[in-house]
Amino acid sequence: MGFIIIKITCPTIEEARRISTHLLQKKLISSANFFPVKSFFWWKDKIDNSNEIVTIAKTRKENWEKVKSEVKKMHSYETPCILKIDVEANEDFGSWVKSETK
């Protein structure tokens, strides 16, 4: 079984919590961490910036499409950042992720 982390940026901690709680309740992720960041990016032909919250969600590889779909439905951004990163987990943590997700 493979594992992934999914990086999601949100405009507020409230939105990050709402999305993460929903994913946890559906057993699509095992846990989430939040980090405040200052983001710089191209948007509508100019360089823009904003304060954002990065969510790092841990799950099984096979949950990627479901997580991506659920986040898109709930996210306030026109073009949300939802990135999949393949990872390896130590055995105990991997077993825990597996036991906490569908």
PDB file of N, CA and C in Angstrom:
ATOM      1  N   MET A   1       0.841  -1.181   0.000  1.00  0.00           N
ATOM      2  CA  MET A   1       0.000   0.000   0.000  1.00  0.00           C
ATOM      3  C   MET A   1       0.877   1.232   0.000  1.00  0.00           C
ATOM      4  N   GLY A   2       0.511   2.223  -0.793  1.00  0.00           N
ATOM      5  CA  GLY A   2       1.265   3.460  -0.838  1.00  0.00           C
ATOM      6  C   GLY A   2       0.564   4.565  -0.073  1.00  0.00           C
ATOM      7  N   PHE A   3       1.347   5.547   0.297  1.00  0.00           N
ATOM      8  CA  PHE A   3       0.819   6.678   1.051  1.00  0.00           C
ATOM      9  C   PHE A   3       1.131   7.970   0.324  1.00  0.00           C
ATOM     10  N   ILE A   4       0.299   8.973   0.569  1.00  0.00           N
ATOM     11  CA  ILE A   4       0.512  10.305   0.008  1.00  0.00           C
ATOM     12  C   ILE A   4       0.226  11.349   1.072  1.00  0.00           C
ATOM     13  N   ILE A   5       0.811  12.519   0.866  1.00  0.00           N
ATOM     14  CA  ILE A   5       0.346  13.696   1.575  1.00  0.00           C
ATOM     15  C   ILE A   5      -0.254  14.606   0.513  1.00  0.00           C
ATOM     16  N   ILE A   6      -1.278  15.312   0.898  1.00  0.00           N
ATOM     17  CA  ILE A   6      -1.951  16.219  -0.012  1.00  0.00           C
ATOM     18  C   ILE A   6      -1.820  17.617   0.563  1.00  0.00           C
ATOM     19  N   LYS A   7      -1.236  18.502  -0.231  1.00  0.00           N
ATOM     20  CA  LYS A   7      -1.055  19.892   0.173  1.00  0.00           C
ATOM     21  C   LYS A   7      -2.219  20.697  -0.395  1.00  0.00           C
ATOM     22  N   ILE A   8      -2.923  21.403   0.479  1.00  0.00           N
ATOM     23  CA  ILE A   8      -4.067  22.225   0.098  1.00  0.00           C
ATOM     24  C   ILE A   8      -3.850  23.613   0.690  1.00  0.00           C
ATOM     25  N   THR A   9      -3.979  24.656  -0.117  1.00  0.00           N
ATOM     26  CA  THR A   9      -3.903  26.003   0.431  1.00  0.00           C
ATOM     27  C   THR A   9      -5.309  26.578   0.541  1.00  0.00           C
ATOM     28  N   CYS A  10      -5.555  27.270   1.648  1.00  0.00           N
ATOM     29  CA  CYS A  10      -6.859  27.881   1.922  1.00  0.00           C
ATOM     30  C   CYS A  10      -6.652  29.339   2.347  1.00  0.00           C
ATOM     31  N   PRO A  11      -7.668  30.179   2.141  1.00  0.00           N
ATOM     32  CA  PRO A  11      -7.528  31.585   2.521  1.00  0.00           C
ATOM     33  C   PRO A  11      -7.602  31.821   4.027  1.00  0.00           C
ATOM     34  N   THR A  12      -8.247  30.904   4.773  1.00  0.00           N
ATOM     35  CA  THR A  12      -8.412  31.099   6.221  1.00  0.00           C
ATOM     36  C   THR A  12      -8.252  29.774   6.960  1.00  0.00           C
ATOM     37  N   ILE A  13      -7.960  29.867   8.245  1.00  0.00           N
ATOM     38  CA  ILE A  13      -7.877  28.678   9.087  1.00  0.00           C
ATOM     39  C   ILE A  13      -9.257  28.030   9.203  1.00  0.00           C
ATOM     40  N   GLU A  14     -10.307  28.845   9.196  1.00  0.00           N
ATOM     41  CA  GLU A  14     -11.657  28.289   9.297  1.00  0.00           C
ATOM     42  C   GLU A  14     -11.977  27.380   8.106  1.00  0.00           C
ATOM     43  N   GLU A  15     -11.616  27.828   6.905  1.00  0.00           N
ATOM     44  CA  GLU A  15     -11.858  27.000   5.725  1.00  0.00           C
ATOM     45  C   GLU A  15     -11.006  25.734   5.759  1.00  0.00           C
ATOM     46  N   ALA A  16      -9.754  25.858   6.158  1.00  0.00           N
ATOM     47  CA  ALA A  16      -8.868  24.687   6.259  1.00  0.00           C
ATOM     48  C   ALA A  16      -9.438  23.678   7.256  1.00  0.00           C
ATOM     49  N   ARG A  17      -9.933  24.157   8.384  1.00  0.00           N
ATOM     50  CA  ARG A  17     -10.522  23.265   9.395  1.00  0.00           C
ATOM     51  C   ARG A  17     -11.796  22.614   8.874  1.00  0.00           C
ATOM     52  N   ARG A  18     -12.637  23.386   8.196  1.00  0.00           N
ATOM     53  CA  ARG A  18     -13.908  22.863   7.674  1.00  0.00           C
ATOM     54  C   ARG A  18     -13.653  21.744   6.662  1.00  0.00           C
ATOM     55  N   ILE A  19     -12.732  21.992   5.734  1.00  0.00           N
ATOM     56  CA  ILE A  19     -12.403  20.979   4.727  1.00  0.00           C
ATOM     57  C   ILE A  19     -11.781  19.755   5.385  1.00  0.00           C
ATOM     58  N   SER A  20     -10.833  19.961   6.278  1.00  0.00           N
ATOM     59  CA  SER A  20     -10.151  18.833   6.932  1.00  0.00           C
ATOM     60  C   SER A  20     -11.114  18.021   7.790  1.00  0.00           C
ATOM     61  N   THR A  21     -11.984  18.690   8.515  1.00  0.00           N
ATOM     62  CA  THR A  21     -12.968  17.977   9.331  1.00  0.00           C
ATOM     63  C   THR A  21     -13.870  17.118   8.455  1.00  0.00           C
ATOM     64  N   HIS A  22     -14.300  17.660   7.337  1.00  0.00           N
ATOM     65  CA  HIS A  22     -15.131  16.908   6.395  1.00  0.00           C
ATOM     66  C   HIS A  22     -14.390  15.664   5.893  1.00  0.00           C
ATOM     67  N   LEU A  23     -13.125  15.827   5.509  1.00  0.00           N
ATOM     68  CA  LEU A  23     -12.332  14.696   5.018  1.00  0.00           C
ATOM     69  C   LEU A  23     -12.107  13.654   6.112  1.00  0.00           C
ATOM     70  N   LEU A  24     -11.897  14.110   7.335  1.00  0.00           N
ATOM     71  CA  LEU A  24     -11.734  13.190   8.463  1.00  0.00           C
ATOM     72  C   LEU A  24     -13.034  12.420   8.727  1.00  0.00           C
ATOM     73  N   GLN A  25     -14.152  13.123   8.715  1.00  0.00           N
ATOM     74  CA  GLN A  25     -15.441  12.471   8.972  1.00  0.00           C
ATOM     75  C   GLN A  25     -15.756  11.416   7.913  1.00  0.00           C
ATOM     76  N   LYS A  26     -15.331  11.657   6.672  1.00  0.00           N
ATOM     77  CA  LYS A  26     -15.555  10.692   5.592  1.00  0.00           C
ATOM     78  C   LYS A  26     -14.487   9.590   5.573  1.00  0.00           C
ATOM     79  N   LYS A  27     -13.522   9.671   6.529  1.00  0.00           N
ATOM     80  CA  LYS A  27     -12.420   8.699   6.645  1.00  0.00           C
ATOM     81  C   LYS A  27     -11.546   8.689   5.392  1.00  0.00           C
ATOM     82  N   LEU A  28     -11.439   9.850   4.719  1.00  0.00           N
ATOM     83  CA  LEU A  28     -10.597   9.955   3.532  1.00  0.00           C
ATOM     84  C   LEU A  28      -9.160  10.329   3.876  1.00  0.00           C
ATOM     85  N   ILE A  29      -8.959  10.935   5.048  1.00  0.00           N
ATOM     86  CA  ILE A  29      -7.614  11.258   5.533  1.00  0.00           C
ATOM     87  C   ILE A  29      -7.502  10.786   6.978  1.00  0.00           C
ATOM     88  N   SER A  30      -6.262  10.585   7.423  1.00  0.00           N
ATOM     89  CA  SER A  30      -6.043  10.168   8.807  1.00  0.00           C
ATOM     90  C   SER A  30      -5.757  11.353   9.716  1.00  0.00           C
ATOM     91  N   SER A  31      -5.206  12.420   9.149  1.00  0.00           N
ATOM     92  CA  SER A  31      -4.863  13.598   9.953  1.00  0.00           C
ATOM     93  C   SER A  31      -4.515  14.761   9.035  1.00  0.00           C
ATOM     94  N   ALA A  32      -4.465  15.951   9.641  1.00  0.00           N
ATOM     95  CA  ALA A  32      -4.097  17.153   8.887  1.00  0.00           C
ATOM     96  C   ALA A  32      -3.309  18.089   9.788  1.00  0.00           C
ATOM     97  N   ASN A  33      -2.355  18.785   9.193  1.00  0.00           N
ATOM     98  CA  ASN A  33      -1.574  19.819   9.882  1.00  0.00           C
ATOM     99  C   ASN A  33      -1.799  21.133   9.161  1.00  0.00           C
ATOM    100  N   PHE A  34      -1.767  22.234   9.906  1.00  0.00           N
ATOM    101  CA  PHE A  34      -1.970  23.562   9.328  1.00  0.00           C
ATOM    102  C   PHE A  34      -0.744  24.440   9.583  1.00  0.00           C
ATOM    103  N   PHE A  35      -0.366  25.202   8.546  1.00  0.00           N
ATOM    104  CA  PHE A  35       0.766  26.117   8.637  1.00  0.00           C
ATOM    105  C   PHE A  35       0.397  27.443   7.981  1.00  0.00           C
ATOM    106  N   PRO A  36       0.586  28.565   8.667  1.00  0.00           N
ATOM    107  CA  PRO A  36       0.369  29.855   7.995  1.00  0.00           C
ATOM    108  C   PRO A  36       1.540  30.156   7.065  1.00  0.00           C
ATOM    109  N   VAL A  37       1.239  30.677   5.871  1.00  0.00           N
ATOM    110  CA  VAL A  37       2.282  31.023   4.899  1.00  0.00           C
ATOM    111  C   VAL A  37       1.923  32.328   4.199  1.00  0.00           C
ATOM    112  N   LYS A  38       2.924  32.959   3.623  1.00  0.00           N
ATOM    113  CA  LYS A  38       2.738  34.104   2.731  1.00  0.00           C
ATOM    114  C   LYS A  38       2.992  33.580   1.331  1.00  0.00           C
ATOM    115  N   SER A  39       1.998  33.652   0.461  1.00  0.00           N
ATOM    116  CA  SER A  39       2.112  33.096  -0.882  1.00  0.00           C
ATOM    117  C   SER A  39       2.242  34.199  -1.920  1.00  0.00           C
ATOM    118  N   PHE A  40       3.117  33.982  -2.902  1.00  0.00           N
ATOM    119  CA  PHE A  40       3.277  34.860  -4.060  1.00  0.00           C
ATOM    120  C   PHE A  40       3.006  34.029  -5.290  1.00  0.00           C
ATOM    121  N   PHE A  41       2.247  34.563  -6.251  1.00  0.00           N
ATOM    122  CA  PHE A  41       1.819  33.764  -7.391  1.00  0.00           C
ATOM    123  C   PHE A  41       1.329  34.661  -8.528  1.00  0.00           C
ATOM    124  N   TRP A  42       1.317  34.067  -9.728  1.00  0.00           N
ATOM    125  CA  TRP A  42       0.708  34.728 -10.874  1.00  0.00           C
ATOM    126  C   TRP A  42      -0.793  34.533 -10.791  1.00  0.00           C
ATOM    127  N   TRP A  43      -1.565  35.616 -10.956  1.00  0.00           N
ATOM    128  CA  TRP A  43      -3.019  35.512 -11.002  1.00  0.00           C
ATOM    129  C   TRP A  43      -3.561  36.608 -11.903  1.00  0.00           C
ATOM    130  N   LYS A  44      -4.231  36.190 -12.963  1.00  0.00           N
ATOM    131  CA  LYS A  44      -4.847  37.111 -13.914  1.00  0.00           C
ATOM    132  C   LYS A  44      -3.846  38.136 -14.436  1.00  0.00           C
ATOM    133  N   ASP A  45      -2.726  37.610 -14.950  1.00  0.00           N
ATOM    134  CA  ASP A  45      -1.688  38.383 -15.635  1.00  0.00           C
ATOM    135  C   ASP A  45      -0.893  39.337 -14.752  1.00  0.00           C
ATOM    136  N   LYS A  46      -0.904  39.109 -13.447  1.00  0.00           N
ATOM    137  CA  LYS A  46      -0.045  39.924 -12.578  1.00  0.00           C
ATOM    138  C   LYS A  46       0.418  39.094 -11.391  1.00  0.00           C
ATOM    139  N   ILE A  47       1.495  39.545 -10.778  1.00  0.00           N
ATOM    140  CA  ILE A  47       1.987  38.874  -9.577  1.00  0.00           C
ATOM    141  C   ILE A  47       1.155  39.373  -8.405  1.00  0.00           C
ATOM    142  N   ASP A  48       0.613  38.419  -7.663  1.00  0.00           N
ATOM    143  CA  ASP A  48      -0.240  38.724  -6.521  1.00  0.00           C
ATOM    144  C   ASP A  48       0.355  38.054  -5.287  1.00  0.00           C
ATOM    145  N   ASN A  49      -0.198  38.337  -4.123  1.00  0.00           N
ATOM    146  CA  ASN A  49       0.245  37.667  -2.902  1.00  0.00           C
ATOM    147  C   ASN A  49      -0.879  37.677  -1.886  1.00  0.00           C
ATOM    148  N   SER A  50      -0.799  36.735  -0.963  1.00  0.00           N
ATOM    149  CA  SER A  50      -1.807  36.675   0.099  1.00  0.00           C
ATOM    150  C   SER A  50      -1.294  35.825   1.247  1.00  0.00           C
ATOM    151  N   ASN A  51      -1.916  36.014   2.387  1.00  0.00           N
ATOM    152  CA  ASN A  51      -1.684  35.130   3.521  1.00  0.00           C
ATOM    153  C   ASN A  51      -2.603  33.925   3.331  1.00  0.00           C
ATOM    154  N   GLU A  52      -2.056  32.740   3.525  1.00  0.00           N
ATOM    155  CA  GLU A  52      -2.842  31.532   3.353  1.00  0.00           C
ATOM    156  C   GLU A  52      -2.514  30.532   4.457  1.00  0.00           C
ATOM    157  N   ILE A  53      -3.339  29.506   4.520  1.00  0.00           N
ATOM    158  CA  ILE A  53      -3.086  28.377   5.410  1.00  0.00           C
ATOM    159  C   ILE A  53      -2.804  27.163   4.525  1.00  0.00           C
ATOM    160  N   VAL A  54      -1.668  26.520   4.756  1.00  0.00           N
ATOM    161  CA  VAL A  54      -1.357  25.275   4.056  1.00  0.00           C
ATOM    162  C   VAL A  54      -1.821  24.120   4.935  1.00  0.00           C
ATOM    163  N   THR A  55      -2.585  23.229   4.335  1.00  0.00           N
ATOM    164  CA  THR A  55      -3.001  21.996   4.998  1.00  0.00           C
ATOM    165  C   THR A  55      -2.189  20.854   4.408  1.00  0.00           C
ATOM    166  N   ILE A  56      -1.613  20.043   5.282  1.00  0.00           N
ATOM    167  CA  ILE A  56      -0.925  18.823   4.869  1.00  0.00           C
ATOM    168  C   ILE A  56      -1.769  17.669   5.407  1.00  0.00           C
ATOM    169  N   ALA A  57      -2.426  16.944   4.485  1.00  0.00           N
ATOM    170  CA  ALA A  57      -3.294  15.835   4.860  1.00  0.00           C
ATOM    171  C   ALA A  57      -2.626  14.515   4.504  1.00  0.00           C
ATOM    172  N   LYS A  58      -2.711  13.535   5.406  1.00  0.00           N
ATOM    173  CA  LYS A  58      -2.097  12.228   5.178  1.00  0.00           C
ATOM    174  C   LYS A  58      -3.172  11.196   4.860  1.00  0.00           C
ATOM    175  N   THR A  59      -2.890  10.357   3.844  1.00  0.00           N
ATOM    176  CA  THR A  59      -3.859   9.353   3.448  1.00  0.00           C
ATOM    177  C   THR A  59      -3.218   8.262   2.605  1.00  0.00           C
ATOM    178  N   ARG A  60      -4.048   7.329   2.183  1.00  0.00           N
ATOM    179  CA  ARG A  60      -3.640   6.267   1.260  1.00  0.00           C
ATOM    180  C   ARG A  60      -3.629   6.811  -0.164  1.00  0.00           C
ATOM    181  N   LYS A  61      -2.758   6.262  -0.987  1.00  0.00           N
ATOM    182  CA  LYS A  61      -2.673   6.666  -2.390  1.00  0.00           C
ATOM    183  C   LYS A  61      -4.014   6.538  -3.106  1.00  0.00           C
ATOM    184  N   GLU A  62      -4.744   5.482  -2.825  1.00  0.00           N
ATOM    185  CA  GLU A  62      -5.987   5.241  -3.552  1.00  0.00           C
ATOM    186  C   GLU A  62      -7.098   6.241  -3.199  1.00  0.00           C
ATOM    187  N   ASN A  63      -6.898   7.081  -2.180  1.00  0.00           N
ATOM    188  CA  ASN A  63      -7.907   8.083  -1.826  1.00  0.00           C
ATOM    189  C   ASN A  63      -7.727   9.410  -2.567  1.00  0.00           C
ATOM    190  N   TRP A  64      -6.691   9.537  -3.378  1.00  0.00           N
ATOM    191  CA  TRP A  64      -6.362  10.791  -4.057  1.00  0.00           C
ATOM    192  C   TRP A  64      -7.545  11.382  -4.813  1.00  0.00           C
ATOM    193  N   GLU A  65      -8.155  10.633  -5.692  1.00  0.00           N
ATOM    194  CA  GLU A  65      -9.239  11.171  -6.526  1.00  0.00           C
ATOM    195  C   GLU A  65     -10.429  11.614  -5.682  1.00  0.00           C
ATOM    196  N   LYS A  66     -10.773  10.827  -4.661  1.00  0.00           N
ATOM    197  CA  LYS A  66     -11.897  11.186  -3.783  1.00  0.00           C
ATOM    198  C   LYS A  66     -11.594  12.454  -2.992  1.00  0.00           C
ATOM    199  N   VAL A  67     -10.385  12.544  -2.435  1.00  0.00           N
ATOM    200  CA  VAL A  67     -10.008  13.742  -1.667  1.00  0.00           C
ATOM    201  C   VAL A  67     -10.036  14.960  -2.574  1.00  0.00           C
ATOM    202  N   LYS A  68      -9.426  14.840  -3.737  1.00  0.00           N
ATOM    203  CA  LYS A  68      -9.383  15.963  -4.680  1.00  0.00           C
ATOM    204  C   LYS A  68     -10.803  16.433  -5.021  1.00  0.00           C
ATOM    205  N   SER A  69     -11.688  15.513  -5.283  1.00  0.00           N
ATOM    206  CA  SER A  69     -13.069  15.843  -5.628  1.00  0.00           C
ATOM    207  C   SER A  69     -13.795  16.538  -4.470  1.00  0.00           C
ATOM    208  N   GLU A  70     -13.637  16.024  -3.266  1.00  0.00           N
ATOM    209  CA  GLU A  70     -14.295  16.625  -2.097  1.00  0.00           C
ATOM    210  C   GLU A  70     -13.768  18.028  -1.826  1.00  0.00           C
ATOM    211  N   VAL A  71     -12.456  18.211  -1.939  1.00  0.00           N
ATOM    212  CA  VAL A  71     -11.871  19.536  -1.697  1.00  0.00           C
ATOM    213  C   VAL A  71     -12.396  20.530  -2.730  1.00  0.00           C
ATOM    214  N   LYS A  72     -12.416  20.148  -3.994  1.00  0.00           N
ATOM    215  CA  LYS A  72     -12.914  21.044  -5.052  1.00  0.00           C
ATOM    216  C   LYS A  72     -14.342  21.500  -4.777  1.00  0.00           C
ATOM    217  N   LYS A  73     -15.189  20.592  -4.278  1.00  0.00           N
ATOM    218  CA  LYS A  73     -16.589  20.929  -3.984  1.00  0.00           C
ATOM    219  C   LYS A  73     -16.713  21.972  -2.876  1.00  0.00           C
ATOM    220  N   MET A  74     -15.788  21.944  -1.919  1.00  0.00           N
ATOM    221  CA  MET A  74     -15.906  22.777  -0.724  1.00  0.00           C
ATOM    222  C   MET A  74     -15.070  24.050  -0.757  1.00  0.00           C
ATOM    223  N   HIS A  75     -14.070  24.095  -1.625  1.00  0.00           N
ATOM    224  CA  HIS A  75     -13.074  25.175  -1.600  1.00  0.00           C
ATOM    225  C   HIS A  75     -13.633  26.474  -2.166  1.00  0.00           C
ATOM    226  N   SER A  76     -13.234  27.580  -1.578  1.00  0.00           N
ATOM    227  CA  SER A  76     -13.718  28.892  -2.025  1.00  0.00           C
ATOM    228  C   SER A  76     -12.938  29.458  -3.208  1.00  0.00           C
ATOM    229  N   TYR A  77     -11.732  28.945  -3.468  1.00  0.00           N
ATOM    230  CA  TYR A  77     -10.931  29.469  -4.571  1.00  0.00           C
ATOM    231  C   TYR A  77     -11.465  29.002  -5.921  1.00  0.00           C
ATOM    232  N   GLU A  78     -11.347  29.863  -6.910  1.00  0.00           N
ATOM    233  CA  GLU A  78     -11.672  29.511  -8.287  1.00  0.00           C
ATOM    234  C   GLU A  78     -10.751  28.400  -8.794  1.00  0.00           C
ATOM    235  N   THR A  79      -9.473  28.489  -8.409  1.00  0.00           N
ATOM    236  CA  THR A  79      -8.470  27.504  -8.806  1.00  0.00           C
ATOM    237  C   THR A  79      -7.707  27.056  -7.555  1.00  0.00           C
ATOM    238  N   PRO A  80      -8.255  26.102  -6.795  1.00  0.00           N
ATOM    239  CA  PRO A  80      -7.568  25.695  -5.564  1.00  0.00           C
ATOM    240  C   PRO A  80      -6.292  24.906  -5.844  1.00  0.00           C
ATOM    241  N   CYS A  81      -5.334  25.056  -4.956  1.00  0.00           N
ATOM    242  CA  CYS A  81      -4.101  24.264  -5.009  1.00  0.00           C
ATOM    243  C   CYS A  81      -4.342  22.976  -4.230  1.00  0.00           C
ATOM    244  N   ILE A  82      -4.326  21.857  -4.950  1.00  0.00           N
ATOM    245  CA  ILE A  82      -4.484  20.530  -4.340  1.00  0.00           C
ATOM    246  C   ILE A  82      -3.384  19.662  -4.948  1.00  0.00           C
ATOM    247  N   LEU A  83      -2.316  19.451  -4.201  1.00  0.00           N
ATOM    248  CA  LEU A  83      -1.144  18.742  -4.720  1.00  0.00           C
ATOM    249  C   LEU A  83      -0.963  17.394  -4.040  1.00  0.00           C
ATOM    250  N   LYS A  84      -0.692  16.359  -4.821  1.00  0.00           N
ATOM    251  CA  LYS A  84      -0.405  15.022  -4.295  1.00  0.00           C
ATOM    252  C   LYS A  84       1.102  14.825  -4.266  1.00  0.00           C
ATOM    253  N   ILE A  85       1.600  14.350  -3.131  1.00  0.00           N
ATOM    254  CA  ILE A  85       3.022  14.065  -2.971  1.00  0.00           C
ATOM    255  C   ILE A  85       3.150  12.630  -2.459  1.00  0.00           C
ATOM    256  N   ASP A  86       3.802  11.775  -3.245  1.00  0.00           N
ATOM    257  CA  ASP A  86       4.024  10.396  -2.819  1.00  0.00           C
ATOM    258  C   ASP A  86       5.045  10.374  -1.687  1.00  0.00           C
ATOM    259  N   VAL A  87       4.760   9.586  -0.657  1.00  0.00           N
ATOM    260  CA  VAL A  87       5.659   9.485   0.496  1.00  0.00           C
ATOM    261  C   VAL A  87       5.781   8.040   0.933  1.00  0.00           C
ATOM    262  N   GLU A  88       6.800   7.780   1.709  1.00  0.00           N
ATOM    263  CA  GLU A  88       6.953   6.506   2.394  1.00  0.00           C
ATOM    264  C   GLU A  88       6.744   6.775   3.874  1.00  0.00           C
ATOM    265  N   ALA A  89       6.135   5.829   4.559  1.00  0.00           N
ATOM    266  CA  ALA A  89       5.880   5.991   5.990  1.00  0.00           C
ATOM    267  C   ALA A  89       6.572   4.879   6.771  1.00  0.00           C
ATOM    268  N   ASN A  90       6.970   5.217   8.008  1.00  0.00           N
ATOM    269  CA  ASN A  90       7.452   4.153   8.877  1.00  0.00           C
ATOM    270  C   ASN A  90       6.286   3.200   9.142  1.00  0.00           C
ATOM    271  N   GLU A  91       6.598   1.966   9.466  1.00  0.00           N
ATOM    272  CA  GLU A  91       5.586   0.914   9.554  1.00  0.00           C
ATOM    273  C   GLU A  91       4.452   1.246  10.526  1.00  0.00           C
ATOM    274  N   ASP A  92       4.791   1.745  11.710  1.00  0.00           N
ATOM    275  CA  ASP A  92       3.754   2.048  12.705  1.00  0.00           C
ATOM    276  C   ASP A  92       2.824   3.155  12.217  1.00  0.00           C
ATOM    277  N   PHE A  93       3.398   4.209  11.660  1.00  0.00           N
ATOM    278  CA  PHE A  93       2.564   5.311  11.177  1.00  0.00           C
ATOM    279  C   PHE A  93       1.733   4.857   9.979  1.00  0.00           C
ATOM    280  N   GLY A  94       2.323   4.118   9.077  1.00  0.00           N
ATOM    281  CA  GLY A  94       1.593   3.606   7.914  1.00  0.00           C
ATOM    282  C   GLY A  94       0.419   2.738   8.325  1.00  0.00           C
ATOM    283  N   SER A  95       0.616   1.896   9.322  1.00  0.00           N
ATOM    284  CA  SER A  95      -0.477   1.053   9.828  1.00  0.00           C
ATOM    285  C   SER A  95      -1.588   1.916  10.423  1.00  0.00           C
ATOM    286  N   TRP A  96      -1.194   2.969  11.114  1.00  0.00           N
ATOM    287  CA  TRP A  96      -2.194   3.868  11.706  1.00  0.00           C
ATOM    288  C   TRP A  96      -2.989   4.580  10.623  1.00  0.00           C
ATOM    289  N   VAL A  97      -2.297   5.122   9.597  1.00  0.00           N
ATOM    290  CA  VAL A  97      -3.001   5.785   8.479  1.00  0.00           C
ATOM    291  C   VAL A  97      -3.990   4.810   7.853  1.00  0.00           C
ATOM    292  N   LYS A  98      -3.539   3.590   7.612  1.00  0.00           N
ATOM    293  CA  LYS A  98      -4.403   2.572   7.007  1.00  0.00           C
ATOM    294  C   LYS A  98      -5.624   2.297   7.881  1.00  0.00           C
ATOM    295  N   SER A  99      -5.427   2.211   9.196  1.00  0.00           N
ATOM    296  CA  SER A  99      -6.540   1.877  10.098  1.00  0.00           C
ATOM    297  C   SER A  99      -7.545   3.024  10.227  1.00  0.00           C
ATOM    298  N   GLU A 100      -7.111   4.251   9.970  1.00  0.00           N
ATOM    299  CA  GLU A 100      -7.988   5.416  10.154  1.00  0.00           C
ATOM    300  C   GLU A 100      -8.657   5.893   8.870  1.00  0.00           C
ATOM    301  N   THR A 101      -8.365   5.254   7.743  1.00  0.00           N
ATOM    302  CA  THR A 101      -8.945   5.667   6.471  1.00  0.00           C
ATOM    303  C   THR A 101      -9.647   4.491   5.813  1.00  0.00           C
ATOM    304  N   LYS A 102     -10.546   4.817   4.897  1.00  0.00           N
ATOM    305  CA  LYS A 102     -11.249   3.769   4.134  1.00  0.00           C
ATOM    306  C   LYS A 102     -10.439   3.419   2.904  1.00  0.00           C
TER     307      LYS A 102
END
